[in-house]
C-alpha atoms as a PDB file:
ATOM      1  CA  MET A   1     -10.720  -2.923   8.794  1.00  0.00           C
ATOM      2  CA  VAL A   2     -13.749  -1.042   7.525  1.00  0.00           C
ATOM      3  CA  ASP A   3     -15.774  -1.624  10.688  1.00  0.00           C
ATOM      4  CA  MET A   4     -13.647   0.648  12.846  1.00  0.00           C
ATOM      5  CA  PRO A   5     -15.055   4.011  13.914  1.00  0.00           C
ATOM      6  CA  GLU A   6     -11.528   5.096  14.800  1.00  0.00           C
ATOM      7  CA  ALA A   7      -8.424   3.936  12.954  1.00  0.00           C
ATOM      8  CA  GLN A   8      -5.215   2.817  14.598  1.00  0.00           C
ATOM      9  CA  ASP A   9      -1.999   2.173  12.717  1.00  0.00           C
ATOM     10  CA  PRO A  10       0.451  -0.122  14.507  1.00  0.00           C
ATOM     11  CA  GLY A  11       3.225   2.052  13.112  1.00  0.00           C
ATOM     12  CA  LEU A  12       1.733   5.159  14.761  1.00  0.00           C
ATOM     13  CA  PRO A  13       0.030   3.969  17.961  1.00  0.00           C
ATOM     14  CA  MET A  14      -2.827   6.242  18.896  1.00  0.00           C
ATOM     15  CA  ALA A  15      -2.040   5.805  22.596  1.00  0.00           C
ATOM     16  CA  ASP A  16       1.489   7.178  22.297  1.00  0.00           C
ATOM     17  CA  ALA A  17       1.933  10.851  23.012  1.00  0.00           C
ATOM     18  CA  ALA A  18       4.140  13.020  20.844  1.00  0.00           C
ATOM     19  CA  PRO A  19       7.568  13.054  22.531  1.00  0.00           C
ATOM     20  CA  ALA A  20       8.646  16.243  24.261  1.00  0.00           C
ATOM     21  CA  ASN A  21      12.159  17.699  24.424  1.00  0.00           C
ATOM     22  CA  LEU A  22      13.521  15.660  21.547  1.00  0.00           C
ATOM     23  CA  PRO A  23      17.322  15.500  21.133  1.00  0.00           C
ATOM     24  CA  TRP A  24      18.765  18.089  18.755  1.00  0.00           C
ATOM     25  CA  ARG A  25      19.236  15.506  15.981  1.00  0.00           C
ATOM     26  CA  TRP A  26      15.495  14.776  15.935  1.00  0.00           C
ATOM     27  CA  ARG A  27      14.647  18.472  15.961  1.00  0.00           C
ATOM     28  CA  LEU A  28      16.938  18.923  12.957  1.00  0.00           C
ATOM     29  CA  MET A  29      15.428  15.853  11.318  1.00  0.00           C
ATOM     30  CA  ARG A  30      11.944  17.336  11.681  1.00  0.00           C
ATOM     31  CA  ARG A  31      12.967  20.605  10.052  1.00  0.00           C
ATOM     32  CA  LEU A  32      14.519  18.782   7.105  1.00  0.00           C
ATOM     33  CA  HIS A  33      11.503  16.472   7.036  1.00  0.00           C
ATOM     34  CA  ARG A  34       9.163  19.460   6.686  1.00  0.00           C
ATOM     35  CA  TRP A  35      11.235  20.937   3.849  1.00  0.00           C
ATOM     36  CA  ASP A  36      11.450  17.554   2.121  1.00  0.00           C
ATOM     37  CA  TYR A  37       7.686  17.050   1.936  1.00  0.00           C
ATOM     38  CA  ALA A  38       6.684  20.664   1.431  1.00  0.00           C
ATOM     39  CA  ARG A  39       9.345  21.683  -1.115  1.00  0.00           C
ATOM     40  CA  LEU A  40      11.572  18.928  -2.435  1.00  0.00           C
ATOM     41  CA  LEU A  41       8.990  16.314  -3.455  1.00  0.00           C
ATOM     42  CA  PRO A  42       6.787  18.786  -5.387  1.00  0.00           C
ATOM     43  CA  LEU A  43       9.887  20.154  -7.131  1.00  0.00           C
ATOM     44  CA  MET A  44      11.106  16.671  -8.095  1.00  0.00           C
ATOM     45  CA  ALA A  45       7.773  15.945  -9.795  1.00  0.00           C
ATOM     46  CA  ARG A  46       8.211  18.962 -12.085  1.00  0.00           C
ATOM     47  CA  LEU A  47      11.691  17.986 -13.263  1.00  0.00           C
ATOM     48  CA  PRO A  48      12.472  15.896 -16.368  1.00  0.00           C
ATOM     49  CA  LEU A  49      11.481  12.334 -15.543  1.00  0.00           C
ATOM     50  CA  GLY A  50      15.003  10.906 -15.679  1.00  0.00           C
ATOM     51  CA  LEU A  51      16.278  13.435 -13.150  1.00  0.00           C
ATOM     52  CA  GLY A  52      13.204  13.033 -10.961  1.00  0.00           C
ATOM     53  CA  TYR A  53      13.603   9.256 -10.734  1.00  0.00           C
ATOM     54  CA  ALA A  54      17.324   9.634  -9.985  1.00  0.00           C
ATOM     55  CA  LEU A  55      16.597  12.035  -7.129  1.00  0.00           C
ATOM     56  CA  ALA A  56      13.861   9.727  -5.845  1.00  0.00           C
ATOM     57  CA  ALA A  57      16.397   6.879  -5.726  1.00  0.00           C
ATOM     58  CA  LEU A  58      18.900   9.086  -3.870  1.00  0.00           C
ATOM     59  CA  ARG A  59      16.211  10.174  -1.434  1.00  0.00           C
ATOM     60  CA  GLY A  60      15.356   6.513  -0.838  1.00  0.00           C
ATOM     61  CA  HIS A  61      18.965   5.655  -0.032  1.00  0.00           C
ATOM     62  CA  LEU A  62      19.124   8.530   2.462  1.00  0.00           C
ATOM     63  CA  ASN A  63      15.875   7.432   4.107  1.00  0.00           C
ATOM     64  CA  ALA A  64      17.223   3.889   4.403  1.00  0.00           C
ATOM     65  CA  ALA A  65      20.458   5.110   5.981  1.00  0.00           C
ATOM     66  CA  LEU A  66      18.572   7.280   8.470  1.00  0.00           C
ATOM     67  CA  GLY A  67      15.682   4.892   9.060  1.00  0.00           C
ATOM     68  CA  ARG A  68      13.398   7.818   8.216  1.00  0.00           C
ATOM     69  CA  ASP A  69       9.685   7.285   7.776  1.00  0.00           C
ATOM     70  CA  TRP A  70       6.990   9.886   8.405  1.00  0.00           C
ATOM     71  CA  ARG A  71       5.606   7.790  11.274  1.00  0.00           C
ATOM     72  CA  SER A  72       9.051   7.511  12.869  1.00  0.00           C
ATOM     73  CA  VAL A  73       9.564  11.261  12.685  1.00  0.00           C
ATOM     74  CA  ALA A  74       6.130  11.821  14.224  1.00  0.00           C
ATOM     75  CA  LEU A  75       7.143   9.795  17.290  1.00  0.00           C
ATOM     76  CA  GLY A  76      10.862  10.611  17.383  1.00  0.00           C
ATOM     77  CA  THR A  77      11.958   6.983  17.159  1.00  0.00           C
ATOM     78  CA  ARG A  78      13.343   4.559  14.552  1.00  0.00           C
ATOM     79  CA  HIS A  79      10.596   2.017  15.260  1.00  0.00           C
ATOM     80  CA  ILE A  80       9.723   1.517  11.573  1.00  0.00           C
ATOM     81  CA  HIS A  81      13.320   0.520  10.851  1.00  0.00           C
ATOM     82  CA  ARG A  82      13.359  -1.825  13.854  1.00  0.00           C
ATOM     83  CA  LEU A  83      10.079  -3.473  12.882  1.00  0.00           C
ATOM     84  CA  SER A  84      11.210  -3.774   9.246  1.00  0.00           C
ATOM     85  CA  VAL A  85      14.392  -5.623  10.246  1.00  0.00           C
ATOM     86  CA  GLN A  86      12.363  -7.890  12.541  1.00  0.00           C
ATOM     87  CA  ALA A  87       9.920  -8.625   9.724  1.00  0.00           C
ATOM     88  CA  ALA A  88      12.668  -9.198   7.161  1.00  0.00           C
ATOM     89  CA  LYS A  89      14.246 -11.822   9.405  1.00  0.00           C
ATOM     90  CA  GLU A  90      10.881 -13.572   9.680  1.00  0.00           C
ATOM     91  CA  LEU A  91      10.589 -13.522   5.899  1.00  0.00           C
ATOM     92  CA  VAL A  92      13.921 -15.298   5.268  1.00  0.00           C
ATOM     93  CA  PRO A  93      12.494 -18.863   5.375  1.00  0.00           C
ATOM     94  CA  VAL A  94       9.452 -17.753   3.360  1.00  0.00           C
ATOM     95  CA  VAL A  95      11.668 -16.292   0.638  1.00  0.00           C
ATOM     96  CA  LYS A  96      13.939 -19.327   0.612  1.00  0.00           C
ATOM     97  CA  ALA A  97      10.969 -21.660   0.243  1.00  0.00           C
ATOM     98  CA  ALA A  98       9.665 -19.592  -2.668  1.00  0.00           C
ATOM     99  CA  GLY A  99      13.069 -19.428  -4.367  1.00  0.00           C
ATOM    100  CA  GLY A 100      12.805 -15.659  -4.345  1.00  0.00           C
ATOM    101  CA  SER A 101      16.396 -14.793  -3.523  1.00  0.00           C
ATOM    102  CA  ARG A 102      19.713 -16.570  -4.034  1.00  0.00           C
ATOM    103  CA  ASP A 103      21.229 -14.816  -1.035  1.00  0.00           C
ATOM    104  CA  PRO A 104      18.545 -13.881   1.505  1.00  0.00           C
ATOM    105  CA  HIS A 105      19.642 -10.851   3.490  1.00  0.00           C
ATOM    106  CA  ALA A 106      17.186  -9.320   5.946  1.00  0.00           C
ATOM    107  CA  GLY A 107      19.105  -6.052   6.325  1.00  0.00           C
ATOM    108  CA  MET A 108      19.120  -5.430   2.565  1.00  0.00           C
ATOM    109  CA  TRP A 109      15.381  -6.051   2.350  1.00  0.00           C
ATOM    110  CA  ALA A 110      14.675  -3.658   5.211  1.00  0.00           C
ATOM    111  CA  ALA A 111      16.737  -0.951   3.469  1.00  0.00           C
ATOM    112  CA  ALA A 112      15.006  -1.625   0.149  1.00  0.00           C
ATOM    113  CA  ARG A 113      11.650  -1.097   1.859  1.00  0.00           C
ATOM    114  CA  PHE A 114      12.601   2.556   2.508  1.00  0.00           C
ATOM    115  CA  ARG A 115      13.670   3.009  -1.111  1.00  0.00           C
ATOM    116  CA  ALA A 116      10.379   1.612  -2.410  1.00  0.00           C
ATOM    117  CA  GLU A 117       8.386   3.909  -0.132  1.00  0.00           C
ATOM    118  CA  ALA A 118      10.428   6.935  -1.236  1.00  0.00           C
ATOM    119  CA  ARG A 119       9.684   6.192  -4.889  1.00  0.00           C
ATOM    120  CA  ASP A 120       5.970   5.826  -4.092  1.00  0.00           C
ATOM    121  CA  GLU A 121       6.037   9.312  -2.569  1.00  0.00           C
ATOM    122  CA  PHE A 122       7.663  10.711  -5.710  1.00  0.00           C
ATOM    123  CA  GLU A 123       5.115   8.884  -7.898  1.00  0.00           C
ATOM    124  CA  ALA A 124       2.326  10.429  -5.841  1.00  0.00           C
ATOM    125  CA  TRP A 125       3.521  13.882  -6.871  1.00  0.00           C
ATOM    126  CA  LEU A 126       3.816  12.804 -10.496  1.00  0.00           C
ATOM    127  CA  MET A 127       0.110  12.010 -10.279  1.00  0.00           C
ATOM    128  CA  HIS A 128      -0.605  15.324  -8.603  1.00  0.00           C
ATOM    129  CA  GLU A 129       1.156  17.072 -11.505  1.00  0.00           C
ATOM    130  CA  ARG A 130      -1.013  15.042 -13.968  1.00  0.00           C
ATOM    131  CA  ARG A 131       2.038  13.382 -15.539  1.00  0.00           C
ATOM    132  CA  TRP A 132       0.665   9.850 -15.783  1.00  0.00           C
ATOM    133  CA  PRO A 133       0.361  10.089 -19.616  1.00  0.00           C
ATOM    134  CA  GLU A 134       4.188  10.172 -19.644  1.00  0.00           C
ATOM    135  CA  LEU A 135       4.364   6.811 -17.828  1.00  0.00           C
ATOM    136  CA  HIS A 136       4.024   3.394 -19.437  1.00  0.00           C
ATOM    137  CA  CYS A 137       2.469   0.225 -18.054  1.00  0.00           C
ATOM    138  CA  ARG A 138       2.381  -3.248 -19.537  1.00  0.00           C
ATOM    139  CA  PHE A 139      -0.174  -5.739 -18.302  1.00  0.00           C
ATOM    140  CA  ASP A 140       0.204  -9.415 -17.429  1.00  0.00           C
ATOM    141  CA  PRO A 141      -1.882 -10.922 -18.927  1.00  0.00           C
ATOM    142  CA  PRO A 142      -2.185  -8.340 -21.719  1.00  0.00           C
ATOM    143  CA  ASP A 143      -5.972  -8.338 -21.516  1.00  0.00           C
ATOM    144  CA  ALA A 144      -6.025  -7.638 -17.758  1.00  0.00           C
ATOM    145  CA  PRO A 145      -7.862  -4.286 -18.217  1.00  0.00           C
ATOM    146  CA  GLN A 146     -10.607  -6.022 -20.201  1.00  0.00           C
ATOM    147  CA  ARG A 147     -10.888  -8.713 -17.521  1.00  0.00           C
ATOM    148  CA  LEU A 148     -11.210  -6.039 -14.836  1.00  0.00           C
ATOM    149  CA  ALA A 149     -13.935  -4.267 -16.785  1.00  0.00           C
ATOM    150  CA  ALA A 150     -15.821  -7.524 -17.402  1.00  0.00           C
ATOM    151  CA  ALA A 151     -15.628  -8.545 -13.739  1.00  0.00           C
ATOM    152  CA  ALA A 152     -16.888  -5.164 -12.482  1.00  0.00           C
ATOM    153  CA  ARG A 153     -19.554  -4.589 -15.125  1.00  0.00           C
ATOM    154  CA  GLU A 154     -22.560  -6.090 -13.341  1.00  0.00           C
ATOM    155  CA  ARG A 155     -21.827  -6.258  -9.612  1.00  0.00           C
ATOM    156  CA  GLY A 156     -18.774  -4.144  -8.963  1.00  0.00           C
ATOM    157  CA  LEU A 157     -15.391  -5.521  -7.945  1.00  0.00           C
ATOM    158  CA  VAL A 158     -13.287  -5.572  -4.773  1.00  0.00           C
ATOM    159  CA  LEU A 159      -9.616  -5.335  -5.768  1.00  0.00           C
ATOM    160  CA  LEU A 160      -6.965  -6.429  -3.275  1.00  0.00           C
ATOM    161  CA  THR A 161      -3.377  -5.194  -3.383  1.00  0.00           C
ATOM    162  CA  PRO A 162      -0.674  -4.814  -0.710  1.00  0.00           C
ATOM    163  CA  HIS A 163       1.663  -1.892  -0.027  1.00  0.00           C
ATOM    164  CA  PHE A 164       3.907  -3.391  -2.668  1.00  0.00           C
ATOM    165  CA  ASP A 165       6.168  -1.328  -4.911  1.00  0.00           C
ATOM    166  CA  SER A 166       4.105   1.050  -7.110  1.00  0.00           C
ATOM    167  CA  PHE A 167       0.611  -0.107  -6.115  1.00  0.00           C
ATOM    168  CA  TYR A 168      -0.609   3.494  -6.004  1.00  0.00           C
ATOM    169  CA  LEU A 169       0.230   4.061  -9.663  1.00  0.00           C
ATOM    170  CA  GLY A 170      -1.234   0.633 -10.388  1.00  0.00           C
ATOM    171  CA  ILE A 171      -4.639   1.898  -9.315  1.00  0.00           C
ATOM    172  CA  ALA A 172      -4.410   4.702 -11.879  1.00  0.00           C
ATOM    173  CA  PHE A 173      -3.116   2.368 -14.610  1.00  0.00           C
ATOM    174  CA  ALA A 174      -5.980  -0.054 -13.959  1.00  0.00           C
ATOM    175  CA  ALA A 175      -8.578   2.710 -14.147  1.00  0.00           C
ATOM    176  CA  GLN A 176      -7.168   4.377 -17.244  1.00  0.00           C
ATOM    177  CA  ALA A 177      -6.710   1.147 -19.210  1.00  0.00           C
ATOM    178  CA  SER A 178     -10.039  -0.447 -18.254  1.00  0.00           C
ATOM    179  CA  GLY A 179     -12.237   2.636 -18.450  1.00  0.00           C
ATOM    180  CA  CYS A 180     -13.891   1.583 -15.173  1.00  0.00           C
ATOM    181  CA  THR A 181     -14.701   3.866 -12.313  1.00  0.00           C
ATOM    182  CA  VAL A 182     -12.209   2.819  -9.648  1.00  0.00           C
ATOM    183  CA  ASN A 183     -12.275   3.886  -6.000  1.00  0.00           C
ATOM    184  CA  ALA A 184      -9.785   3.380  -3.199  1.00  0.00           C
ATOM    185  CA  MET A 185     -10.127   2.968   0.545  1.00  0.00           C
ATOM    186  CA  ALA A 186      -7.744   5.114   2.583  1.00  0.00           C
ATOM    187  CA  SER A 187      -7.203   6.016   6.234  1.00  0.00           C
ATOM    188  CA  ALA A 188      -7.188   9.274   8.173  1.00  0.00           C
ATOM    189  CA  ILE A 189      -4.026   8.271  10.085  1.00  0.00           C
ATOM    190  CA  PRO A 190      -1.941  10.966   8.261  1.00  0.00           C
ATOM    191  CA  GLU A 191      -4.254  13.548   9.856  1.00  0.00           C
ATOM    192  CA  ASP A 192      -3.096  12.561  13.345  1.00  0.00           C
ATOM    193  CA  PRO A 193      -1.987  15.788  15.089  1.00  0.00           C
ATOM    194  CA  ARG A 194       1.476  14.338  15.790  1.00  0.00           C
ATOM    195  CA  VAL A 195       2.178  14.045  12.069  1.00  0.00           C
ATOM    196  CA  GLU A 196       4.084  16.900  10.438  1.00  0.00           C
ATOM    197  CA  PRO A 197       1.499  19.138   8.657  1.00  0.00           C
ATOM    198  CA  ALA A 198       3.542  18.978   5.443  1.00  0.00           C
ATOM    199  CA  VAL A 199       3.099  15.189   5.475  1.00  0.00           C
ATOM    200  CA  THR A 200      -0.639  15.550   5.998  1.00  0.00           C
ATOM    201  CA  ALA A 201      -0.739  17.968   3.047  1.00  0.00           C
ATOM    202  CA  HIS A 202       1.283  15.453   1.020  1.00  0.00           C
ATOM    203  CA  PHE A 203      -1.372  12.788   1.544  1.00  0.00           C
ATOM    204  CA  HIS A 204      -4.177  15.166   0.614  1.00  0.00           C
ATOM    205  CA  ALA A 205      -2.326  16.018  -2.619  1.00  0.00           C
ATOM    206  CA  LYS A 206      -1.650  12.316  -3.215  1.00  0.00           C
ATOM    207  CA  TYR A 207      -5.302  11.316  -2.935  1.00  0.00           C
ATOM    208  CA  ARG A 208      -6.644  14.224  -4.960  1.00  0.00           C
ATOM    209  CA  GLY A 209      -4.037  13.590  -7.655  1.00  0.00           C
ATOM    210  CA  LEU A 210      -5.053   9.951  -7.894  1.00  0.00           C
ATOM    211  CA  GLU A 211      -8.742  10.818  -8.114  1.00  0.00           C
ATOM    212  CA  ALA A 212      -8.114  12.725 -11.334  1.00  0.00           C
ATOM    213  CA  ALA A 213      -7.214   9.412 -13.032  1.00  0.00           C
ATOM    214  CA  LEU A 214     -10.063   7.263 -11.639  1.00  0.00           C
ATOM    215  CA  ASN A 215     -12.824   8.035 -14.148  1.00  0.00           C
ATOM    216  CA  GLY A 216     -14.993   9.672 -11.517  1.00  0.00           C
ATOM    217  CA  GLY A 217     -13.803   7.455  -8.658  1.00  0.00           C
ATOM    218  CA  ALA A 218     -12.848   8.706  -5.205  1.00  0.00           C
ATOM    219  CA  VAL A 219     -10.370   8.004  -2.422  1.00  0.00           C
ATOM    220  CA  VAL A 220     -12.411   7.776   0.774  1.00  0.00           C
ATOM    221  CA  ASN A 221     -11.223   7.366   4.361  1.00  0.00           C
ATOM    222  CA  MET A 222     -12.559   4.278   6.075  1.00  0.00           C
ATOM    223  CA  GLU A 223     -13.251   6.414   9.144  1.00  0.00           C
ATOM    224  CA  ASP A 224     -16.078   8.058   7.164  1.00  0.00           C
ATOM    225  CA  GLY A 225     -18.142   4.884   7.575  1.00  0.00           C
ATOM    226  CA  LEU A 226     -19.188   1.946   5.442  1.00  0.00           C
ATOM    227  CA  ARG A 227     -22.030   3.429   3.435  1.00  0.00           C
ATOM    228  CA  PRO A 228     -19.846   5.080   0.742  1.00  0.00           C
ATOM    229  CA  PHE A 229     -18.145   1.757  -0.017  1.00  0.00           C
ATOM    230  CA  TYR A 230     -21.407  -0.147  -0.278  1.00  0.00           C
ATOM    231  CA  ARG A 231     -22.728   2.498  -2.695  1.00  0.00           C
ATOM    232  CA  MET A 232     -19.623   2.190  -4.868  1.00  0.00           C
ATOM    233  CA  LEU A 233     -20.092  -1.565  -5.238  1.00  0.00           C
ATOM    234  CA  GLU A 234     -23.849  -1.240  -5.760  1.00  0.00           C
ATOM    235  CA  ARG A 235     -23.087   1.098  -8.683  1.00  0.00           C
ATOM    236  CA  ALA A 236     -20.913  -1.614 -10.286  1.00  0.00           C
ATOM    237  CA  GLN A 237     -17.700   0.269  -9.576  1.00  0.00           C
ATOM    238  CA  ALA A 238     -14.347  -1.149  -8.475  1.00  0.00           C
ATOM    239  CA  LEU A 239     -13.015  -0.616  -4.956  1.00  0.00           C
ATOM    240  CA  VAL A 240      -9.322  -1.080  -4.101  1.00  0.00           C
ATOM    241  CA  VAL A 241      -8.610  -2.237  -0.553  1.00  0.00           C
ATOM    242  CA  LEU A 242      -5.152  -2.827   0.884  1.00  0.00           C
ATOM    243  CA  ALA A 243      -4.724  -6.529   1.572  1.00  0.00           C
ATOM    244  CA  ASP A 244      -1.975  -6.361   4.207  1.00  0.00           C
ATOM    245  CA  ALA A 245      -3.776  -4.479   6.979  1.00  0.00           C
ATOM    246  CA  PRO A 246      -3.689  -5.786  10.558  1.00  0.00           C
ATOM    247  CA  VAL A 247      -6.819  -6.414  12.575  1.00  0.00           C
ATOM    248  CA  LEU A 248      -7.965  -3.333  14.450  1.00  0.00           C
ATOM    249  CA  ALA A 249      -9.705  -3.382  17.804  1.00  0.00           C
ATOM    250  CA  GLY A 250     -13.354  -4.197  17.199  1.00  0.00           C
ATOM    251  CA  GLY A 251     -12.829  -4.621  13.441  1.00  0.00           C
ATOM    252  CA  ALA A 252     -13.644  -7.526  11.152  1.00  0.00           C
ATOM    253  CA  GLU A 253     -10.957 -10.177  10.898  1.00  0.00           C
ATOM    254  CA  MET A 254     -10.172 -13.266   8.888  1.00  0.00           C
ATOM    255  CA  ALA A 255      -7.610 -16.076   8.818  1.00  0.00           C
ATOM    256  CA  VAL A 256      -5.821 -16.668   5.524  1.00  0.00           C
ATOM    257  CA  GLU A 257      -2.640 -18.418   4.357  1.00  0.00           C
ATOM    258  CA  PHE A 258      -0.140 -15.623   3.749  1.00  0.00           C
ATOM    259  CA  LEU A 259       3.660 -15.427   3.901  1.00  0.00           C
ATOM    260  CA  GLY A 260       4.509 -18.707   5.546  1.00  0.00           C
ATOM    261  CA  GLY A 261       1.350 -19.782   7.289  1.00  0.00           C
ATOM    262  CA  PRO A 262      -2.179 -18.864   8.354  1.00  0.00           C
ATOM    263  CA  ARG A 263      -2.277 -15.279   9.562  1.00  0.00           C
ATOM    264  CA  ARG A 264      -4.908 -13.088  11.134  1.00  0.00           C
ATOM    265  CA  LEU A 265      -5.655 -10.051   8.934  1.00  0.00           C
ATOM    266  CA  ALA A 266      -8.296  -7.353   8.706  1.00  0.00           C
ATOM    267  CA  GLY A 267     -11.387  -8.841   7.093  1.00  0.00           C
ATOM    268  CA  GLY A 268     -13.335  -5.752   6.062  1.00  0.00           C
ATOM    269  CA  ALA A 269     -12.781  -6.269   2.332  1.00  0.00           C
ATOM    270  CA  LEU A 270     -14.103  -9.818   2.472  1.00  0.00           C
ATOM    271  CA  ARG A 271     -17.125  -8.749   4.489  1.00  0.00           C
ATOM    272  CA  LEU A 272     -17.919  -5.956   2.025  1.00  0.00           C
ATOM    273  CA  ALA A 273     -17.665  -8.331  -0.929  1.00  0.00           C
ATOM    274  CA  GLN A 274     -19.763 -11.055   0.672  1.00  0.00           C
ATOM    275  CA  ARG A 275     -22.527  -8.732   1.828  1.00  0.00           C
ATOM    276  CA  THR A 276     -22.849  -7.222  -1.648  1.00  0.00           C
ATOM    277  CA  SER A 277     -22.218 -10.490  -3.556  1.00  0.00           C
ATOM    278  CA  THR A 278     -19.319  -8.721  -5.276  1.00  0.00           C
ATOM    279  CA  PRO A 279     -16.463 -10.667  -6.880  1.00  0.00           C
ATOM    280  CA  MET A 280     -12.885 -10.189  -5.684  1.00  0.00           C
ATOM    281  CA  ALA A 281      -9.641  -9.928  -7.657  1.00  0.00           C
ATOM    282  CA  ALA A 282      -6.057  -8.842  -6.947  1.00  0.00           C
ATOM    283  CA  PHE A 283      -3.134  -7.090  -8.598  1.00  0.00           C
ATOM    284  CA  VAL A 284       0.428  -5.957  -7.962  1.00  0.00           C
ATOM    285  CA  CYS A 285       2.234  -3.162  -9.791  1.00  0.00           C
ATOM    286  CA  ARG A 286       6.019  -3.282 -10.214  1.00  0.00           C
ATOM    287  CA  HIS A 287       8.451  -0.577 -11.230  1.00  0.00           C
ATOM    288  CA  LEU A 288      10.615  -1.734 -14.152  1.00  0.00           C
ATOM    289  CA  GLY A 289      12.900   1.298 -14.297  1.00  0.00           C
ATOM    290  CA  GLY A 290      12.393   4.920 -15.334  1.00  0.00           C
ATOM    291  CA  PRO A 291       8.798   5.590 -16.391  1.00  0.00           C
ATOM    292  CA  ASN A 292       8.076   1.890 -17.073  1.00  0.00           C
ATOM    293  CA  TYR A 293       5.815  -0.339 -14.983  1.00  0.00           C
ATOM    294  CA  GLU A 294       4.114  -3.715 -15.033  1.00  0.00           C
ATOM    295  CA  LEU A 295       0.720  -4.604 -13.570  1.00  0.00           C
ATOM    296  CA  ARG A 296       0.109  -8.282 -12.813  1.00  0.00           C
ATOM    297  CA  TRP A 297      -3.483  -9.391 -12.520  1.00  0.00           C
ATOM    298  CA  CYS A 298      -5.026 -12.250 -10.542  1.00  0.00           C
ATOM    299  CA  GLU A 299      -8.365 -13.392 -11.936  1.00  0.00           C
ATOM    300  CA  ALA A 300     -11.580 -12.488 -10.121  1.00  0.00           C
ATOM    301  CA  GLY A 301     -13.599 -15.028  -8.174  1.00  0.00           C
ATOM    302  CA  GLU A 302     -16.764 -15.102  -6.113  1.00  0.00           C
ATOM    303  CA  ALA A 303     -16.367 -13.819  -2.559  1.00  0.00           C
ATOM    304  CA  HIS A 304     -18.428 -16.736  -1.211  1.00  0.00           C
ATOM    305  CA  ASP A 305     -16.254 -19.304  -2.992  1.00  0.00           C
ATOM    306  CA  PRO A 306     -13.898 -20.729  -0.308  1.00  0.00           C
ATOM    307  CA  ASN A 307     -11.116 -21.011  -2.914  1.00  0.00           C
ATOM    308  CA  THR A 308     -11.124 -17.328  -3.940  1.00  0.00           C
ATOM    309  CA  LEU A 309      -9.437 -15.714  -0.953  1.00  0.00           C
ATOM    310  CA  PRO A 310      -6.640 -18.327  -0.607  1.00  0.00           C
ATOM    311  CA  ARG A 311      -5.938 -18.041  -4.340  1.00  0.00           C
ATOM    312  CA  LEU A 312      -5.715 -14.238  -4.231  1.00  0.00           C
ATOM    313  CA  TYR A 313      -3.470 -14.226  -1.170  1.00  0.00           C
ATOM    314  CA  ALA A 314      -1.248 -16.925  -2.659  1.00  0.00           C
ATOM    315  CA  PHE A 315      -0.745 -14.596  -5.638  1.00  0.00           C
ATOM    316  CA  LEU A 316       0.030 -11.602  -3.421  1.00  0.00           C
ATOM    317  CA  GLY A 317       2.277 -13.585  -1.093  1.00  0.00           C
ATOM    318  CA  HIS A 318       4.225 -14.995  -4.039  1.00  0.00           C
ATOM    319  CA  ALA A 319       4.913 -11.487  -5.366  1.00  0.00           C
ATOM    320  CA  ILE A 320       6.243 -10.394  -1.971  1.00  0.00           C
ATOM    321  CA  ALA A 321       8.331 -13.552  -1.478  1.00  0.00           C
ATOM    322  CA  GLN A 322       9.968 -13.087  -4.879  1.00  0.00           C
ATOM    323  CA  GLU A 323      10.961  -9.469  -4.127  1.00  0.00           C
ATOM    324  CA  PRO A 324      10.567  -8.819  -0.375  1.00  0.00           C
ATOM    325  CA  GLY A 325      12.356  -5.472  -0.468  1.00  0.00           C
ATOM    326  CA  ARG A 326       9.553  -4.033  -2.585  1.00  0.00           C
ATOM    327  CA  TRP A 327       7.006  -4.667   0.190  1.00  0.00           C
ATOM    328  CA  TRP A 328       7.238  -1.359   1.986  1.00  0.00           C
ATOM    329  CA  ALA A 329       4.679  -2.364   4.620  1.00  0.00           C
ATOM    330  CA  MET A 330       6.922  -5.134   5.925  1.00  0.00           C
ATOM    331  CA  ASP A 331       7.064  -3.278   9.249  1.00  0.00           C
ATOM    332  CA  MET A 332       3.448  -4.403   9.758  1.00  0.00           C
ATOM    333  CA  LEU A 333       4.296  -8.123   9.564  1.00  0.00           C
ATOM    334  CA  PRO A 334       4.743  -8.434  13.359  1.00  0.00           C
ATOM    335  CA  ASN A 335       1.111  -7.263  13.599  1.00  0.00           C
ATOM    336  CA  LEU A 336      -0.089 -10.000  11.219  1.00  0.00           C
ATOM    337  CA  PRO A 337       0.419 -12.895  13.637  1.00  0.00           C
ATOM    338  CA  LEU A 338       0.666 -16.508  12.597  1.00  0.00           C
ATOM    339  CA  ILE A 339      -2.179 -18.591  13.991  1.00  0.00           C
ATOM    340  CA  LYS A 340      -0.322 -21.299  15.884  1.00  0.00           C
ATOM    341  CA  ASP A 341      -3.281 -23.572  16.514  1.00  0.00           C
ATOM    342  CA  ALA A 342      -4.716 -23.407  12.971  1.00  0.00           C
ATOM    343  CA  THR A 343      -5.826 -26.680  11.491  1.00  0.00           C
ATOM    344  CA  PRO A 344      -3.482 -27.736   8.648  1.00  0.00           C
END
């Protein structure tokens, strides 16, 4: 992931041209889309929290009904909805095996993915408005912030988390509670010229809002090169890397047991940790309702220990299997292929 000079998101293929002469319904969708990101989301973040969360839930239901995602609008197609349904169907046996749902229903999970993403976008503007002191997070285990600080104190820490529920707020909660300088790896994909400028501005506001809570940390695009990330770890800082990224052309890759079998994933985080002898840990952050959240922590381990990565991904995979609708990157599952010839 971090070795790529040019990023490529499977949900927004760089080779695809922006569609011309879109049907009237897509032209209308784009106008509403622009207003939504430029006006509605910032307004929601300034409202009383109860009303803001209610509107975020309503917005999520509308997005689910329309199959609306900023990448879909950029290309004029419902491909994110299609890929989410495909992924949800693949997850059914995984969820059943984990006992995560009494009545597995792929369509419901795909719809829930849009609702989770919509709430993340609202939470991003809460951060931009500096309202995180009004939010509450409990930690599991309770001393998770102290464990994070202890793990990062001498050699830095690579923190893995997927696009699961309120992971973005989880980064801020982890930084504020631990006192550590926490950084995050991002991508320049939202700056693609096909993306609505209001969406690009949304991501800039999202990253700058998060930085205010990171104790001097930064959100840096991976396209800017590796050196910034090495410096962060060398300074004994924490670096959050998304754990559910697909392998990019020419990028580092790894095979790890995840969601039903060995899968091929981007391996940049592991390479960074191993080259700097930095430990690795993981977390997920769940929304409990209203301004209440929970951050679950998976203990750090040495990057060179062959048991560390499987243990971290087992933790992350279990969280997704228990509540698949909260994994709002499920559309990427078809790009995380199972390795058919892997040795058991």
